Amino acid sequence: MNQLTQDQKDHYRNSMANNNFSPQIEILKLVAEGYDIEVAKGLVIAEIKAYKKEVFDKTVARNNQSELRKFMPIVVFLVAMIGPVFGVESPLWYIVAIILVGTAGYFAYRDKPVAGVMAYIIAAMAFPFTYSFYFAERSTYMKIEMLIPMLMAAIPAIIVYYIISAIAYSKVDND
């Protein structure tokens, strides 16, 4: 007997997750089941290390995803701004922009990709309209005022994100 059963591994991981895991007790249980004491120690230590590595990997992945979520809205609005600010009226540019922001939405929200893609596409599609609406018949403005059309475009995108998340991902269990 040199391996733990899947039930034992699941029990250990559940105990560690609930902070009621005692390595000494588990080693004694394994010895009582017929494992050699050194083998039991090695198996328990290996399972503890595997659990800690798994938790660490999940934390790193969550942090990386969080960083993407902070960075991608900037990319989306920079791409969305190119059309109205520089007077690009080509439909080809807007198709490329939608593909770019859709890709950004997918990578920023991998846990909810449809919601992320749709929200970013709506933000990018709404920005030219909010830009035109806000700056219509104005010849001068302060640069900080560029944030107002961005916020106006972000509002429907945020609403759509939460609606799609609530409908499509309501039963998904997030860690």
N, C-alpha and C. Protein backbone atom coordinates (compact mmCIF):
# COMPACT_ATOMS: atom_id res chain seq x y z
N MET A 1 0.84 -1.18 0.00
CA MET A 1 0.00 0.00 0.00
C MET A 1 0.88 1.24 0.00
N ASN A 2 1.07 1.82 -1.18
CA ASN A 2 1.92 2.99 -1.31
C ASN A 2 1.17 4.19 -1.88
N GLN A 3 -0.14 4.09 -1.98
CA GLN A 3 -0.91 5.19 -2.52
C GLN A 3 -2.18 5.40 -1.72
N LEU A 4 -2.68 6.62 -1.77
CA LEU A 4 -3.95 6.94 -1.14
C LEU A 4 -5.07 6.71 -2.14
N THR A 5 -6.22 6.35 -1.63
CA THR A 5 -7.37 6.23 -2.51
C THR A 5 -7.89 7.63 -2.81
N GLN A 6 -8.71 7.73 -3.82
CA GLN A 6 -9.27 9.03 -4.18
C GLN A 6 -10.17 9.55 -3.05
N ASP A 7 -10.86 8.64 -2.37
CA ASP A 7 -11.70 9.06 -1.23
C ASP A 7 -10.84 9.67 -0.12
N GLN A 8 -9.69 9.07 0.15
CA GLN A 8 -8.79 9.60 1.18
C GLN A 8 -8.28 10.98 0.77
N LYS A 9 -7.88 11.11 -0.48
CA LYS A 9 -7.39 12.41 -0.97
C LYS A 9 -8.48 13.48 -0.87
N ASP A 10 -9.70 13.10 -1.26
CA ASP A 10 -10.81 14.05 -1.18
C ASP A 10 -11.09 14.45 0.26
N HIS A 11 -11.02 13.47 1.16
CA HIS A 11 -11.24 13.75 2.58
C HIS A 11 -10.17 14.71 3.11
N TYR A 12 -8.92 14.48 2.74
CA TYR A 12 -7.82 15.35 3.19
C TYR A 12 -8.01 16.77 2.67
N ARG A 13 -8.32 16.88 1.39
CA ARG A 13 -8.48 18.21 0.79
C ARG A 13 -9.68 18.95 1.41
N ASN A 14 -10.75 18.22 1.64
CA ASN A 14 -11.92 18.83 2.28
C ASN A 14 -11.57 19.27 3.70
N SER A 15 -10.84 18.45 4.43
CA SER A 15 -10.43 18.81 5.79
C SER A 15 -9.50 20.02 5.78
N MET A 16 -8.56 20.06 4.83
CA MET A 16 -7.65 21.20 4.76
C MET A 16 -8.40 22.48 4.39
N ALA A 17 -9.37 22.36 3.50
CA ALA A 17 -10.14 23.53 3.10
C ALA A 17 -10.97 24.08 4.25
N ASN A 18 -11.39 23.19 5.16
CA ASN A 18 -12.21 23.60 6.30
C ASN A 18 -11.39 23.84 7.56
N ASN A 19 -10.08 23.82 7.44
CA ASN A 19 -9.16 24.06 8.55
C ASN A 19 -9.36 23.11 9.74
N ASN A 20 -9.69 21.88 9.45
CA ASN A 20 -9.77 20.90 10.53
C ASN A 20 -8.96 19.65 10.18
N PHE A 21 -7.81 19.87 9.56
CA PHE A 21 -6.92 18.78 9.15
C PHE A 21 -5.78 18.67 10.15
N SER A 22 -5.56 17.47 10.61
CA SER A 22 -4.44 17.21 11.52
C SER A 22 -3.56 16.13 10.90
N PRO A 23 -2.36 16.50 10.45
CA PRO A 23 -1.49 15.51 9.82
C PRO A 23 -1.17 14.33 10.74
N GLN A 24 -0.96 14.61 12.02
CA GLN A 24 -0.60 13.54 12.95
C GLN A 24 -1.73 12.51 13.05
N ILE A 25 -2.94 12.98 13.16
CA ILE A 25 -4.08 12.06 13.27
C ILE A 25 -4.23 11.26 11.98
N GLU A 26 -4.07 11.91 10.85
CA GLU A 26 -4.22 11.20 9.57
C GLU A 26 -3.12 10.16 9.37
N ILE A 27 -1.91 10.48 9.82
CA ILE A 27 -0.82 9.50 9.75
C ILE A 27 -1.14 8.30 10.64
N LEU A 28 -1.64 8.56 11.83
CA LEU A 28 -2.01 7.46 12.73
C LEU A 28 -3.14 6.62 12.15
N LYS A 29 -4.10 7.25 11.48
CA LYS A 29 -5.18 6.49 10.83
C LYS A 29 -4.63 5.59 9.73
N LEU A 30 -3.68 6.12 8.96
CA LEU A 30 -3.08 5.31 7.89
C LEU A 30 -2.29 4.15 8.46
N VAL A 31 -1.56 4.39 9.53
CA VAL A 31 -0.80 3.32 10.18
C VAL A 31 -1.76 2.25 10.69
N ALA A 32 -2.90 2.68 11.25
CA ALA A 32 -3.91 1.74 11.74
C ALA A 32 -4.51 0.92 10.59
N GLU A 33 -4.53 1.50 9.39
CA GLU A 33 -5.04 0.79 8.22
C GLU A 33 -4.00 -0.15 7.61
N GLY A 34 -2.78 -0.14 8.14
CA GLY A 34 -1.77 -1.08 7.66
C GLY A 34 -0.62 -0.46 6.88
N TYR A 35 -0.59 0.86 6.78
CA TYR A 35 0.51 1.53 6.08
C TYR A 35 1.73 1.56 7.00
N ASP A 36 2.91 1.52 6.41
CA ASP A 36 4.15 1.72 7.15
C ASP A 36 4.18 3.19 7.58
N ILE A 37 4.73 3.47 8.74
CA ILE A 37 4.70 4.84 9.28
C ILE A 37 5.42 5.83 8.36
N GLU A 38 6.54 5.44 7.77
CA GLU A 38 7.27 6.34 6.86
C GLU A 38 6.49 6.58 5.58
N VAL A 39 5.86 5.52 5.09
CA VAL A 39 5.04 5.65 3.89
C VAL A 39 3.84 6.56 4.19
N ALA A 40 3.21 6.38 5.35
CA ALA A 40 2.07 7.20 5.73
C ALA A 40 2.46 8.67 5.83
N LYS A 41 3.62 8.94 6.46
CA LYS A 41 4.10 10.33 6.55
C LYS A 41 4.32 10.91 5.16
N GLY A 42 4.97 10.14 4.31
CA GLY A 42 5.25 10.61 2.95
C GLY A 42 3.98 10.89 2.16
N LEU A 43 2.97 10.02 2.29
CA LEU A 43 1.72 10.21 1.56
C LEU A 43 0.97 11.45 2.06
N VAL A 44 0.92 11.64 3.37
CA VAL A 44 0.22 12.80 3.92
C VAL A 44 0.95 14.08 3.54
N ILE A 45 2.26 14.08 3.65
CA ILE A 45 3.05 15.27 3.28
C ILE A 45 2.89 15.59 1.80
N ALA A 46 2.90 14.55 0.97
CA ALA A 46 2.73 14.75 -0.47
C ALA A 46 1.35 15.35 -0.77
N GLU A 47 0.34 14.88 -0.07
CA GLU A 47 -1.01 15.40 -0.30
C GLU A 47 -1.13 16.84 0.18
N ILE A 48 -0.48 17.17 1.29
CA ILE A 48 -0.49 18.55 1.78
C ILE A 48 0.20 19.46 0.76
N LYS A 49 1.34 19.03 0.25
CA LYS A 49 2.05 19.84 -0.75
C LYS A 49 1.22 20.00 -2.01
N ALA A 50 0.56 18.93 -2.46
CA ALA A 50 -0.27 19.01 -3.67
C ALA A 50 -1.43 19.98 -3.46
N TYR A 51 -2.03 19.94 -2.28
CA TYR A 51 -3.13 20.85 -1.97
C TYR A 51 -2.65 22.31 -1.94
N LYS A 52 -1.52 22.54 -1.30
CA LYS A 52 -0.98 23.90 -1.23
C LYS A 52 -0.62 24.42 -2.61
N LYS A 53 -0.07 23.56 -3.46
CA LYS A 53 0.27 23.96 -4.82
C LYS A 53 -0.99 24.30 -5.62
N GLU A 54 -2.02 23.49 -5.44
CA GLU A 54 -3.28 23.75 -6.13
C GLU A 54 -3.88 25.08 -5.70
N VAL A 55 -3.88 25.35 -4.41
CA VAL A 55 -4.41 26.62 -3.89
C VAL A 55 -3.57 27.79 -4.41
N PHE A 56 -2.26 27.62 -4.41
CA PHE A 56 -1.36 28.67 -4.91
C PHE A 56 -1.63 28.94 -6.39
N ASP A 57 -1.76 27.87 -7.19
CA ASP A 57 -2.01 28.03 -8.62
C ASP A 57 -3.34 28.74 -8.87
N LYS A 58 -4.37 28.40 -8.09
CA LYS A 58 -5.66 29.08 -8.24
C LYS A 58 -5.55 30.56 -7.89
N THR A 59 -4.79 30.86 -6.85
CA THR A 59 -4.61 32.25 -6.44
C THR A 59 -3.87 33.05 -7.50
N VAL A 60 -2.82 32.47 -8.07
CA VAL A 60 -2.07 33.14 -9.13
C VAL A 60 -2.96 33.37 -10.34
N ALA A 61 -3.74 32.36 -10.72
CA ALA A 61 -4.64 32.50 -11.87
C ALA A 61 -5.68 33.58 -11.60
N ARG A 62 -6.21 33.63 -10.39
CA ARG A 62 -7.21 34.63 -10.04
C ARG A 62 -6.59 36.03 -10.08
N ASN A 63 -5.36 36.16 -9.59
CA ASN A 63 -4.69 37.46 -9.61
C ASN A 63 -4.39 37.91 -11.04
N ASN A 64 -3.96 36.98 -11.89
CA ASN A 64 -3.69 37.32 -13.29
C ASN A 64 -4.98 37.77 -13.97
N GLN A 65 -6.07 37.07 -13.69
CA GLN A 65 -7.35 37.44 -14.27
C GLN A 65 -7.78 38.82 -13.77
N SER A 66 -7.53 39.09 -12.51
CA SER A 66 -7.88 40.40 -11.94
C SER A 66 -7.09 41.51 -12.61
N GLU A 67 -5.82 41.26 -12.88
CA GLU A 67 -5.00 42.27 -13.57
C GLU A 67 -5.51 42.52 -14.98
N LEU A 68 -5.91 41.46 -15.68
CA LEU A 68 -6.46 41.63 -17.03
C LEU A 68 -7.75 42.45 -16.98
N ARG A 69 -8.58 42.19 -15.98
CA ARG A 69 -9.84 42.92 -15.87
C ARG A 69 -9.62 44.40 -15.61
N LYS A 70 -8.52 44.74 -14.99
CA LYS A 70 -8.21 46.15 -14.75
C LYS A 70 -7.65 46.82 -16.00
N PHE A 71 -6.90 46.08 -16.80
CA PHE A 71 -6.19 46.62 -17.94
C PHE A 71 -7.06 46.67 -19.21
N MET A 72 -7.90 45.68 -19.42
CA MET A 72 -8.63 45.57 -20.68
C MET A 72 -9.62 46.71 -20.95
N PRO A 73 -10.30 47.27 -19.95
CA PRO A 73 -11.17 48.41 -20.28
C PRO A 73 -10.41 49.58 -20.91
N ILE A 74 -9.19 49.77 -20.51
CA ILE A 74 -8.37 50.83 -21.11
C ILE A 74 -8.14 50.53 -22.58
N VAL A 75 -7.81 49.29 -22.88
CA VAL A 75 -7.60 48.88 -24.27
C VAL A 75 -8.88 49.08 -25.07
N VAL A 76 -10.00 48.66 -24.51
CA VAL A 76 -11.28 48.77 -25.21
C VAL A 76 -11.59 50.22 -25.56
N PHE A 77 -11.43 51.13 -24.60
CA PHE A 77 -11.77 52.52 -24.89
C PHE A 77 -10.74 53.19 -25.79
N LEU A 78 -9.50 52.76 -25.74
CA LEU A 78 -8.53 53.29 -26.69
C LEU A 78 -8.89 52.87 -28.11
N VAL A 79 -9.27 51.61 -28.28
CA VAL A 79 -9.68 51.14 -29.61
C VAL A 79 -10.96 51.85 -30.03
N ALA A 80 -11.91 51.98 -29.12
CA ALA A 80 -13.18 52.63 -29.46
C ALA A 80 -13.00 54.10 -29.79
N MET A 81 -12.01 54.76 -29.18
CA MET A 81 -11.78 56.18 -29.41
C MET A 81 -11.17 56.47 -30.78
N ILE A 82 -10.50 55.53 -31.36
CA ILE A 82 -9.81 55.78 -32.63
C ILE A 82 -10.77 56.27 -33.70
N GLY A 83 -11.92 55.60 -33.82
CA GLY A 83 -12.89 55.99 -34.85
C GLY A 83 -13.37 57.41 -34.71
N PRO A 84 -14.02 57.75 -33.63
CA PRO A 84 -14.58 59.11 -33.52
C PRO A 84 -13.53 60.21 -33.41
N VAL A 85 -12.49 59.99 -32.66
CA VAL A 85 -11.50 61.04 -32.43
C VAL A 85 -10.72 61.36 -33.69
N PHE A 86 -10.37 60.33 -34.45
CA PHE A 86 -9.58 60.55 -35.67
C PHE A 86 -10.44 60.58 -36.92
N GLY A 87 -11.74 60.56 -36.78
CA GLY A 87 -12.64 60.69 -37.92
C GLY A 87 -12.65 59.49 -38.85
N VAL A 88 -12.36 58.32 -38.35
CA VAL A 88 -12.39 57.10 -39.17
C VAL A 88 -13.85 56.72 -39.37
N GLU A 89 -14.27 56.62 -40.62
CA GLU A 89 -15.66 56.28 -40.92
C GLU A 89 -15.77 54.97 -41.68
N SER A 90 -14.69 54.28 -41.88
CA SER A 90 -14.70 53.04 -42.63
C SER A 90 -15.38 51.91 -41.84
N PRO A 91 -16.33 51.23 -42.45
CA PRO A 91 -16.96 50.09 -41.76
C PRO A 91 -15.95 48.99 -41.44
N LEU A 92 -14.92 48.89 -42.26
CA LEU A 92 -13.88 47.88 -42.00
C LEU A 92 -13.20 48.15 -40.66
N TRP A 93 -12.94 49.42 -40.35
CA TRP A 93 -12.31 49.73 -39.07
C TRP A 93 -13.21 49.30 -37.91
N TYR A 94 -14.49 49.54 -38.02
CA TYR A 94 -15.40 49.19 -36.93
C TYR A 94 -15.55 47.68 -36.78
N ILE A 95 -15.45 46.95 -37.87
CA ILE A 95 -15.44 45.48 -37.79
C ILE A 95 -14.19 45.01 -37.06
N VAL A 96 -13.04 45.58 -37.42
CA VAL A 96 -11.79 45.23 -36.75
C VAL A 96 -11.85 45.61 -35.27
N ALA A 97 -12.40 46.78 -34.98
CA ALA A 97 -12.51 47.24 -33.60
C ALA A 97 -13.40 46.30 -32.78
N ILE A 98 -14.50 45.85 -33.36
CA ILE A 98 -15.39 44.92 -32.66
C ILE A 98 -14.68 43.60 -32.40
N ILE A 99 -13.93 43.12 -33.36
CA ILE A 99 -13.17 41.88 -33.16
C ILE A 99 -12.13 42.06 -32.05
N LEU A 100 -11.44 43.18 -32.06
CA LEU A 100 -10.43 43.44 -31.03
C LEU A 100 -11.03 43.53 -29.63
N VAL A 101 -12.11 44.29 -29.50
CA VAL A 101 -12.70 44.44 -28.16
C VAL A 101 -13.41 43.16 -27.73
N GLY A 102 -13.96 42.41 -28.67
CA GLY A 102 -14.54 41.12 -28.32
C GLY A 102 -13.50 40.16 -27.79
N THR A 103 -12.33 40.15 -28.42
CA THR A 103 -11.22 39.32 -27.95
C THR A 103 -10.77 39.78 -26.57
N ALA A 104 -10.69 41.09 -26.38
CA ALA A 104 -10.31 41.62 -25.07
C ALA A 104 -11.32 41.21 -24.00
N GLY A 105 -12.61 41.24 -24.33
CA GLY A 105 -13.65 40.83 -23.40
C GLY A 105 -13.56 39.37 -23.04
N TYR A 106 -13.20 38.56 -24.04
CA TYR A 106 -13.06 37.12 -23.77
C TYR A 106 -11.91 36.86 -22.79
N PHE A 107 -10.78 37.49 -23.02
CA PHE A 107 -9.62 37.24 -22.16
C PHE A 107 -9.77 37.90 -20.79
N ALA A 108 -10.47 39.00 -20.70
CA ALA A 108 -10.66 39.65 -19.41
C ALA A 108 -11.65 38.89 -18.53
N TYR A 109 -12.61 38.23 -19.15
CA TYR A 109 -13.65 37.53 -18.39
C TYR A 109 -13.75 36.08 -18.84
N ARG A 110 -12.69 35.34 -18.67
CA ARG A 110 -12.70 33.93 -19.09
C ARG A 110 -13.69 33.10 -18.31
N ASP A 111 -14.00 33.52 -17.09
CA ASP A 111 -14.99 32.77 -16.32
C ASP A 111 -16.41 33.05 -16.80
N LYS A 112 -16.63 34.18 -17.47
CA LYS A 112 -17.93 34.54 -18.04
C LYS A 112 -17.70 35.14 -19.42
N PRO A 113 -17.24 34.34 -20.37
CA PRO A 113 -16.80 34.90 -21.66
C PRO A 113 -17.90 35.58 -22.47
N VAL A 114 -19.09 35.03 -22.50
CA VAL A 114 -20.15 35.65 -23.30
C VAL A 114 -20.49 37.03 -22.74
N ALA A 115 -20.60 37.13 -21.44
CA ALA A 115 -20.91 38.41 -20.81
C ALA A 115 -19.80 39.42 -21.07
N GLY A 116 -18.55 39.00 -20.95
CA GLY A 116 -17.42 39.90 -21.19
C GLY A 116 -17.35 40.39 -22.63
N VAL A 117 -17.52 39.46 -23.56
CA VAL A 117 -17.46 39.82 -24.98
C VAL A 117 -18.59 40.79 -25.33
N MET A 118 -19.80 40.47 -24.90
CA MET A 118 -20.94 41.34 -25.23
C MET A 118 -20.80 42.72 -24.59
N ALA A 119 -20.36 42.76 -23.35
CA ALA A 119 -20.21 44.05 -22.67
C ALA A 119 -19.18 44.92 -23.38
N TYR A 120 -18.05 44.35 -23.73
CA TYR A 120 -17.02 45.14 -24.39
C TYR A 120 -17.44 45.57 -25.79
N ILE A 121 -18.13 44.71 -26.50
CA ILE A 121 -18.61 45.09 -27.84
C ILE A 121 -19.63 46.22 -27.72
N ILE A 122 -20.53 46.15 -26.76
CA ILE A 122 -21.51 47.21 -26.58
C ILE A 122 -20.83 48.52 -26.20
N ALA A 123 -19.83 48.45 -25.33
CA ALA A 123 -19.10 49.67 -24.96
C ALA A 123 -18.44 50.29 -26.18
N ALA A 124 -17.81 49.47 -27.00
CA ALA A 124 -17.12 49.98 -28.19
C ALA A 124 -18.11 50.51 -29.23
N MET A 125 -19.26 49.87 -29.35
CA MET A 125 -20.26 50.34 -30.32
C MET A 125 -20.98 51.60 -29.82
N ALA A 126 -21.14 51.72 -28.51
CA ALA A 126 -21.84 52.88 -27.97
C ALA A 126 -20.96 54.12 -27.93
N PHE A 127 -19.66 53.94 -27.82
CA PHE A 127 -18.78 55.11 -27.67
C PHE A 127 -18.88 56.11 -28.82
N PRO A 128 -18.87 55.70 -30.08
CA PRO A 128 -18.99 56.71 -31.14
C PRO A 128 -20.27 57.56 -31.02
N PHE A 129 -21.35 56.91 -30.59
CA PHE A 129 -22.61 57.64 -30.43
C PHE A 129 -22.55 58.59 -29.24
N THR A 130 -22.02 58.11 -28.12
CA THR A 130 -21.94 58.99 -26.94
C THR A 130 -20.96 60.13 -27.19
N TYR A 131 -19.89 59.85 -27.92
CA TYR A 131 -18.91 60.89 -28.26
C TYR A 131 -19.58 61.96 -29.12
N SER A 132 -20.29 61.52 -30.16
CA SER A 132 -20.96 62.47 -31.06
C SER A 132 -22.03 63.26 -30.31
N PHE A 133 -22.78 62.57 -29.44
CA PHE A 133 -23.83 63.23 -28.67
C PHE A 133 -23.25 64.28 -27.73
N TYR A 134 -22.22 63.92 -27.01
CA TYR A 134 -21.67 64.83 -26.01
C TYR A 134 -20.95 66.03 -26.63
N PHE A 135 -20.22 65.79 -27.70
CA PHE A 135 -19.43 66.87 -28.30
C PHE A 135 -20.10 67.52 -29.50
N ALA A 136 -21.37 67.25 -29.73
CA ALA A 136 -22.08 67.85 -30.86
C ALA A 136 -22.11 69.36 -30.70
N GLU A 137 -21.80 70.05 -31.78
CA GLU A 137 -21.83 71.52 -31.84
C GLU A 137 -20.92 72.19 -30.82
N ARG A 138 -19.83 71.52 -30.46
CA ARG A 138 -18.84 72.13 -29.56
C ARG A 138 -17.52 72.19 -30.31
N SER A 139 -16.89 73.31 -30.21
CA SER A 139 -15.61 73.45 -30.89
C SER A 139 -14.44 73.29 -29.91
N THR A 140 -14.67 73.52 -28.65
CA THR A 140 -13.61 73.38 -27.66
C THR A 140 -14.11 72.56 -26.47
N TYR A 141 -13.17 71.88 -25.87
CA TYR A 141 -13.49 71.13 -24.66
C TYR A 141 -12.18 70.82 -23.94
N MET A 142 -12.30 70.52 -22.67
CA MET A 142 -11.13 70.12 -21.90
C MET A 142 -10.91 68.62 -22.11
N LYS A 143 -9.66 68.20 -22.07
CA LYS A 143 -9.35 66.80 -22.33
C LYS A 143 -10.01 65.86 -21.32
N ILE A 144 -10.17 66.32 -20.12
CA ILE A 144 -10.78 65.47 -19.08
C ILE A 144 -12.24 65.15 -19.43
N GLU A 145 -12.85 66.00 -20.25
CA GLU A 145 -14.24 65.75 -20.64
C GLU A 145 -14.41 64.51 -21.50
N MET A 146 -13.32 63.96 -21.99
CA MET A 146 -13.40 62.73 -22.78
C MET A 146 -13.91 61.57 -21.92
N LEU A 147 -13.75 61.68 -20.62
CA LEU A 147 -14.23 60.63 -19.72
C LEU A 147 -15.76 60.53 -19.70
N ILE A 148 -16.43 61.62 -19.93
CA ILE A 148 -17.89 61.61 -19.85
C ILE A 148 -18.50 60.70 -20.92
N PRO A 149 -18.13 60.81 -22.20
CA PRO A 149 -18.69 59.85 -23.17
C PRO A 149 -18.25 58.41 -22.89
N MET A 150 -17.05 58.25 -22.32
CA MET A 150 -16.62 56.89 -21.96
C MET A 150 -17.54 56.30 -20.90
N LEU A 151 -17.85 57.10 -19.90
CA LEU A 151 -18.75 56.62 -18.84
C LEU A 151 -20.15 56.38 -19.40
N MET A 152 -20.59 57.24 -20.29
CA MET A 152 -21.91 57.05 -20.91
C MET A 152 -21.95 55.75 -21.72
N ALA A 153 -20.87 55.39 -22.36
CA ALA A 153 -20.80 54.14 -23.13
C ALA A 153 -20.65 52.93 -22.21
N ALA A 154 -20.02 53.14 -21.07
CA ALA A 154 -19.80 52.03 -20.14
C ALA A 154 -21.08 51.61 -19.42
N ILE A 155 -21.99 52.53 -19.21
CA ILE A 155 -23.21 52.21 -18.45
C ILE A 155 -24.01 51.08 -19.10
N PRO A 156 -24.36 51.16 -20.39
CA PRO A 156 -25.11 50.04 -20.96
C PRO A 156 -24.29 48.75 -21.01
N ALA A 157 -22.97 48.88 -21.16
CA ALA A 157 -22.11 47.70 -21.18
C ALA A 157 -22.13 46.99 -19.83
N ILE A 158 -22.07 47.76 -18.76
CA ILE A 158 -22.10 47.17 -17.41
C ILE A 158 -23.44 46.51 -17.15
N ILE A 159 -24.51 47.17 -17.56
CA ILE A 159 -25.85 46.60 -17.37
C ILE A 159 -25.97 45.28 -18.13
N VAL A 160 -25.53 45.25 -19.37
CA VAL A 160 -25.59 44.02 -20.17
C VAL A 160 -24.73 42.93 -19.55
N TYR A 161 -23.55 43.29 -19.06
CA TYR A 161 -22.68 42.30 -18.42
C TYR A 161 -23.39 41.64 -17.25
N TYR A 162 -24.00 42.43 -16.38
CA TYR A 162 -24.65 41.86 -15.21
C TYR A 162 -25.91 41.07 -15.57
N ILE A 163 -26.64 41.50 -16.58
CA ILE A 163 -27.82 40.74 -17.01
C ILE A 163 -27.41 39.39 -17.58
N ILE A 164 -26.42 39.38 -18.47
CA ILE A 164 -25.96 38.11 -19.05
C ILE A 164 -25.35 37.22 -17.99
N SER A 165 -24.59 37.81 -17.07
CA SER A 165 -24.00 37.02 -15.99
C SER A 165 -25.07 36.37 -15.13
N ALA A 166 -26.12 37.13 -14.83
CA ALA A 166 -27.19 36.60 -13.98
C ALA A 166 -27.96 35.50 -14.69
N ILE A 167 -28.15 35.65 -15.98
CA ILE A 167 -28.94 34.65 -16.71
C ILE A 167 -28.10 33.43 -17.08
N ALA A 168 -26.97 33.66 -17.72
CA ALA A 168 -26.19 32.55 -18.28
C ALA A 168 -25.31 31.86 -17.25
N TYR A 169 -24.88 32.56 -16.23
CA TYR A 169 -23.90 31.98 -15.30
C TYR A 169 -24.43 31.90 -13.87
N SER A 170 -25.73 31.91 -13.70
CA SER A 170 -26.30 31.91 -12.36
C SER A 170 -26.03 30.60 -11.61
N LYS A 171 -25.89 29.50 -12.32
CA LYS A 171 -25.67 28.21 -11.68
C LYS A 171 -24.21 27.80 -11.64
N VAL A 172 -23.32 28.66 -12.17
CA VAL A 172 -21.88 28.34 -12.16
C VAL A 172 -21.33 28.62 -10.78
N ASP A 173 -20.60 27.66 -10.23
CA ASP A 173 -20.01 27.82 -8.90
C ASP A 173 -18.62 28.40 -9.04
N ASN A 174 -18.43 29.66 -8.62
CA ASN A 174 -17.12 30.31 -8.70
C ASN A 174 -16.40 30.14 -7.38
N ASP A 175 -15.10 29.84 -7.43
CA ASP A 175 -14.30 29.69 -6.21
C ASP A 175 -13.93 31.03 -5.66
